[in-house]
Structure formats: structure tokens, C-alpha cells
Amino acid sequence: MRPEADPSEDRADQSNSRFVRIAKYAAIGLQFPSTIIGGLVLGYLVDKFLGTSPWGVTILTFVAFAGAVAQLIHWVRRFGNEK
């Protein structure tokens, strides 16, 4: 026989579940622009070191944006399967 579940545990599980969901989406929201900013900074450093302005910034920003979109699609598919 299964012992009676404590109602406070159910509320704690719901609270944890809600917090986990919020944390996941916050991580996505921070990761997307961080990836693009990282591409900008890396492109700037490449341009400064090699003197190829503005090509390093342009190319690495587009690459970072494509990577951020690919990662966003991955996260949406992964979280879309969860309830």
C-alpha cells in the first residue's frame, strides 16, 4: 500500500517544477544574445590582430547568429517534448 502523500510535498514539487521551467527559458534567453555578442567580440579581436576590418566582425557575427539559431531550435525541440 502506498502511504498518503503530504500536500506540502505536492506544492513543493510544483514550485520546483515551475522554477526549473523558468530557469530553462531564462538560460535560453541569455544564451542567444551571449553567443552573438561573443561572435562580435571575437570578430573585433580578429580584425584588430589581422587588420581585416570589417570582415572578421561581419563573418563571425553571422556565424555566431547561425549557431545561436541552431542552438535555439535544439532547445525548443528538446523542451517541446517535455510536459
N, C-alpha and C. Protein backbone atom coordinates (compact mmCIF):
# COMPACT_ATOMS: atom_id res chain seq x y z
N MET A 1 0.83 -1.18 0.00
CA MET A 1 0.00 0.00 0.00
C MET A 1 0.87 1.25 0.00
N ARG A 2 0.39 2.22 -0.68
CA ARG A 2 1.13 3.48 -0.78
C ARG A 2 0.70 4.43 0.33
N PRO A 3 1.68 4.98 1.05
CA PRO A 3 1.31 5.93 2.11
C PRO A 3 0.73 7.21 1.50
N GLU A 4 -0.08 7.88 2.28
CA GLU A 4 -0.67 9.13 1.84
C GLU A 4 0.42 10.17 1.56
N ALA A 5 0.27 10.86 0.45
CA ALA A 5 1.24 11.90 0.09
C ALA A 5 0.93 13.16 0.89
N ASP A 6 1.96 13.80 1.32
CA ASP A 6 1.83 15.05 2.07
C ASP A 6 1.51 16.18 1.08
N PRO A 7 0.42 16.95 1.27
CA PRO A 7 0.09 18.03 0.34
C PRO A 7 1.19 19.07 0.19
N SER A 8 1.97 19.28 1.26
CA SER A 8 3.06 20.26 1.16
C SER A 8 4.13 19.79 0.20
N GLU A 9 4.31 18.46 0.07
CA GLU A 9 5.28 17.93 -0.89
C GLU A 9 4.82 18.18 -2.31
N ASP A 10 3.50 18.05 -2.56
CA ASP A 10 2.97 18.32 -3.89
C ASP A 10 3.20 19.77 -4.28
N ARG A 11 2.96 20.68 -3.33
CA ARG A 11 3.21 22.10 -3.61
C ARG A 11 4.68 22.37 -3.85
N ALA A 12 5.54 21.69 -3.12
CA ALA A 12 6.98 21.86 -3.31
C ALA A 12 7.41 21.35 -4.68
N ASP A 13 6.82 20.21 -5.11
CA ASP A 13 7.14 19.68 -6.44
C ASP A 13 6.69 20.63 -7.53
N GLN A 14 5.49 21.21 -7.37
CA GLN A 14 5.00 22.17 -8.35
C GLN A 14 5.89 23.41 -8.38
N SER A 15 6.29 23.87 -7.21
CA SER A 15 7.15 25.05 -7.13
C SER A 15 8.50 24.77 -7.78
N ASN A 16 9.07 23.60 -7.49
CA ASN A 16 10.35 23.23 -8.10
C ASN A 16 10.20 23.09 -9.61
N SER A 17 9.11 22.48 -10.05
CA SER A 17 8.88 22.31 -11.47
C SER A 17 8.76 23.67 -12.17
N ARG A 18 8.04 24.59 -11.55
CA ARG A 18 7.87 25.92 -12.12
C ARG A 18 9.22 26.64 -12.17
N PHE A 19 10.00 26.52 -11.09
CA PHE A 19 11.31 27.17 -11.05
C PHE A 19 12.24 26.58 -12.11
N VAL A 20 12.22 25.27 -12.27
CA VAL A 20 13.07 24.63 -13.27
C VAL A 20 12.69 25.10 -14.67
N ARG A 21 11.40 25.20 -14.94
CA ARG A 21 10.94 25.66 -16.26
C ARG A 21 11.37 27.11 -16.50
N ILE A 22 11.22 27.95 -15.50
CA ILE A 22 11.64 29.35 -15.64
C ILE A 22 13.15 29.43 -15.86
N ALA A 23 13.90 28.63 -15.13
CA ALA A 23 15.37 28.65 -15.27
C ALA A 23 15.79 28.20 -16.66
N LYS A 24 15.12 27.20 -17.21
CA LYS A 24 15.46 26.72 -18.55
C LYS A 24 15.26 27.82 -19.59
N TYR A 25 14.10 28.47 -19.53
CA TYR A 25 13.82 29.52 -20.51
C TYR A 25 14.69 30.75 -20.29
N ALA A 26 15.05 31.03 -19.07
CA ALA A 26 15.97 32.14 -18.80
C ALA A 26 17.34 31.83 -19.37
N ALA A 27 17.76 30.57 -19.27
CA ALA A 27 19.05 30.17 -19.83
C ALA A 27 19.05 30.34 -21.35
N ILE A 28 17.95 29.98 -21.99
CA ILE A 28 17.84 30.17 -23.44
C ILE A 28 17.91 31.66 -23.78
N GLY A 29 17.18 32.45 -23.01
CA GLY A 29 17.15 33.90 -23.25
C GLY A 29 18.49 34.56 -23.07
N LEU A 30 19.32 34.03 -22.20
CA LEU A 30 20.65 34.60 -22.00
C LEU A 30 21.67 34.03 -22.99
N GLN A 31 21.50 32.77 -23.36
CA GLN A 31 22.46 32.13 -24.25
C GLN A 31 22.42 32.72 -25.66
N PHE A 32 21.23 33.01 -26.16
CA PHE A 32 21.09 33.50 -27.53
C PHE A 32 21.88 34.80 -27.76
N PRO A 33 21.63 35.86 -26.99
CA PRO A 33 22.40 37.09 -27.23
C PRO A 33 23.87 36.96 -26.83
N SER A 34 24.16 36.12 -25.85
CA SER A 34 25.56 35.94 -25.44
C SER A 34 26.40 35.33 -26.56
N THR A 35 25.81 34.41 -27.29
CA THR A 35 26.52 33.80 -28.42
C THR A 35 26.83 34.84 -29.49
N ILE A 36 25.85 35.67 -29.79
CA ILE A 36 26.04 36.70 -30.82
C ILE A 36 27.06 37.74 -30.35
N ILE A 37 26.98 38.15 -29.11
CA ILE A 37 27.95 39.12 -28.57
C ILE A 37 29.35 38.51 -28.58
N GLY A 38 29.45 37.22 -28.27
CA GLY A 38 30.74 36.54 -28.33
C GLY A 38 31.31 36.57 -29.74
N GLY A 39 30.47 36.38 -30.75
CA GLY A 39 30.93 36.46 -32.14
C GLY A 39 31.40 37.86 -32.50
N LEU A 40 30.69 38.87 -32.00
CA LEU A 40 31.10 40.26 -32.24
C LEU A 40 32.47 40.55 -31.64
N VAL A 41 32.65 40.15 -30.39
CA VAL A 41 33.92 40.41 -29.70
C VAL A 41 35.06 39.66 -30.37
N LEU A 42 34.82 38.39 -30.68
CA LEU A 42 35.86 37.60 -31.34
C LEU A 42 36.20 38.18 -32.71
N GLY A 43 35.18 38.61 -33.45
CA GLY A 43 35.42 39.24 -34.75
C GLY A 43 36.21 40.53 -34.62
N TYR A 44 35.89 41.32 -33.61
CA TYR A 44 36.64 42.56 -33.37
C TYR A 44 38.11 42.26 -33.09
N LEU A 45 38.35 41.25 -32.25
CA LEU A 45 39.74 40.90 -31.93
C LEU A 45 40.49 40.37 -33.14
N VAL A 46 39.81 39.58 -33.96
CA VAL A 46 40.44 39.07 -35.19
C VAL A 46 40.77 40.24 -36.11
N ASP A 47 39.82 41.17 -36.27
CA ASP A 47 40.06 42.34 -37.11
C ASP A 47 41.22 43.19 -36.59
N LYS A 48 41.27 43.37 -35.30
CA LYS A 48 42.33 44.18 -34.72
C LYS A 48 43.69 43.51 -34.91
N PHE A 49 43.74 42.19 -34.72
CA PHE A 49 45.00 41.46 -34.83
C PHE A 49 45.46 41.34 -36.28
N LEU A 50 44.53 41.04 -37.19
CA LEU A 50 44.89 40.81 -38.60
C LEU A 50 44.71 42.04 -39.49
N GLY A 51 44.03 43.06 -38.99
CA GLY A 51 43.80 44.27 -39.79
C GLY A 51 42.86 44.02 -40.95
N THR A 52 41.85 43.21 -40.75
CA THR A 52 40.92 42.84 -41.83
C THR A 52 39.55 43.50 -41.67
N SER A 53 39.49 44.61 -40.99
CA SER A 53 38.22 45.26 -40.70
C SER A 53 37.45 45.54 -41.97
N PRO A 54 36.20 45.34 -42.01
CA PRO A 54 35.20 44.85 -41.08
C PRO A 54 34.85 43.37 -41.30
N TRP A 55 35.67 42.66 -42.03
CA TRP A 55 35.30 41.30 -42.43
C TRP A 55 35.24 40.31 -41.26
N GLY A 56 36.14 40.41 -40.33
CA GLY A 56 36.12 39.49 -39.19
C GLY A 56 34.86 39.63 -38.37
N VAL A 57 34.49 40.88 -38.08
CA VAL A 57 33.27 41.13 -37.31
C VAL A 57 32.05 40.63 -38.08
N THR A 58 32.00 40.94 -39.36
CA THR A 58 30.84 40.57 -40.17
C THR A 58 30.69 39.05 -40.25
N ILE A 59 31.74 38.37 -40.61
CA ILE A 59 31.67 36.92 -40.79
C ILE A 59 31.41 36.20 -39.47
N LEU A 60 32.15 36.57 -38.43
CA LEU A 60 31.98 35.88 -37.16
C LEU A 60 30.63 36.20 -36.50
N THR A 61 30.07 37.38 -36.76
CA THR A 61 28.74 37.68 -36.24
C THR A 61 27.69 36.81 -36.92
N PHE A 62 27.80 36.66 -38.25
CA PHE A 62 26.86 35.79 -38.96
C PHE A 62 27.00 34.33 -38.53
N VAL A 63 28.23 33.88 -38.34
CA VAL A 63 28.45 32.51 -37.88
C VAL A 63 27.87 32.33 -36.48
N ALA A 64 28.09 33.30 -35.60
CA ALA A 64 27.54 33.22 -34.24
C ALA A 64 26.02 33.25 -34.26
N PHE A 65 25.45 34.07 -35.13
CA PHE A 65 23.99 34.13 -35.23
C PHE A 65 23.43 32.80 -35.71
N ALA A 66 24.06 32.20 -36.71
CA ALA A 66 23.61 30.89 -37.20
C ALA A 66 23.72 29.83 -36.10
N GLY A 67 24.80 29.87 -35.35
CA GLY A 67 24.96 28.93 -34.24
C GLY A 67 23.92 29.16 -33.15
N ALA A 68 23.61 30.40 -32.87
CA ALA A 68 22.60 30.71 -31.85
C ALA A 68 21.22 30.23 -32.29
N VAL A 69 20.89 30.41 -33.57
CA VAL A 69 19.61 29.94 -34.08
C VAL A 69 19.54 28.41 -34.04
N ALA A 70 20.64 27.74 -34.42
CA ALA A 70 20.67 26.28 -34.36
C ALA A 70 20.50 25.79 -32.93
N GLN A 71 21.14 26.44 -31.99
CA GLN A 71 21.01 26.06 -30.58
C GLN A 71 19.60 26.33 -30.07
N LEU A 72 19.00 27.43 -30.51
CA LEU A 72 17.63 27.75 -30.12
C LEU A 72 16.66 26.69 -30.63
N ILE A 73 16.84 26.25 -31.86
CA ILE A 73 16.00 25.19 -32.43
C ILE A 73 16.17 23.91 -31.62
N HIS A 74 17.39 23.59 -31.27
CA HIS A 74 17.66 22.40 -30.45
C HIS A 74 16.93 22.48 -29.11
N TRP A 75 17.03 23.62 -28.43
CA TRP A 75 16.38 23.77 -27.12
C TRP A 75 14.86 23.70 -27.24
N VAL A 76 14.31 24.32 -28.27
CA VAL A 76 12.84 24.32 -28.45
C VAL A 76 12.36 22.90 -28.70
N ARG A 77 13.05 22.14 -29.53
CA ARG A 77 12.67 20.74 -29.76
C ARG A 77 12.78 19.93 -28.48
N ARG A 78 13.84 20.14 -27.74
CA ARG A 78 14.06 19.37 -26.50
C ARG A 78 13.00 19.70 -25.46
N PHE A 79 12.72 20.99 -25.26
CA PHE A 79 11.74 21.39 -24.25
C PHE A 79 10.31 21.21 -24.74
N GLY A 80 10.11 21.15 -26.05
CA GLY A 80 8.77 20.95 -26.59
C GLY A 80 8.25 19.56 -26.31
N ASN A 81 9.14 18.60 -26.12
CA ASN A 81 8.75 17.23 -25.84
C ASN A 81 8.43 17.00 -24.38
N GLU A 82 8.81 17.93 -23.52
CA GLU A 82 8.55 17.81 -22.08
C GLU A 82 7.20 18.41 -21.75
N LYS A 83 6.60 17.91 -20.70
CA LYS A 83 5.33 18.49 -20.25
C LYS A 83 5.55 19.41 -19.10
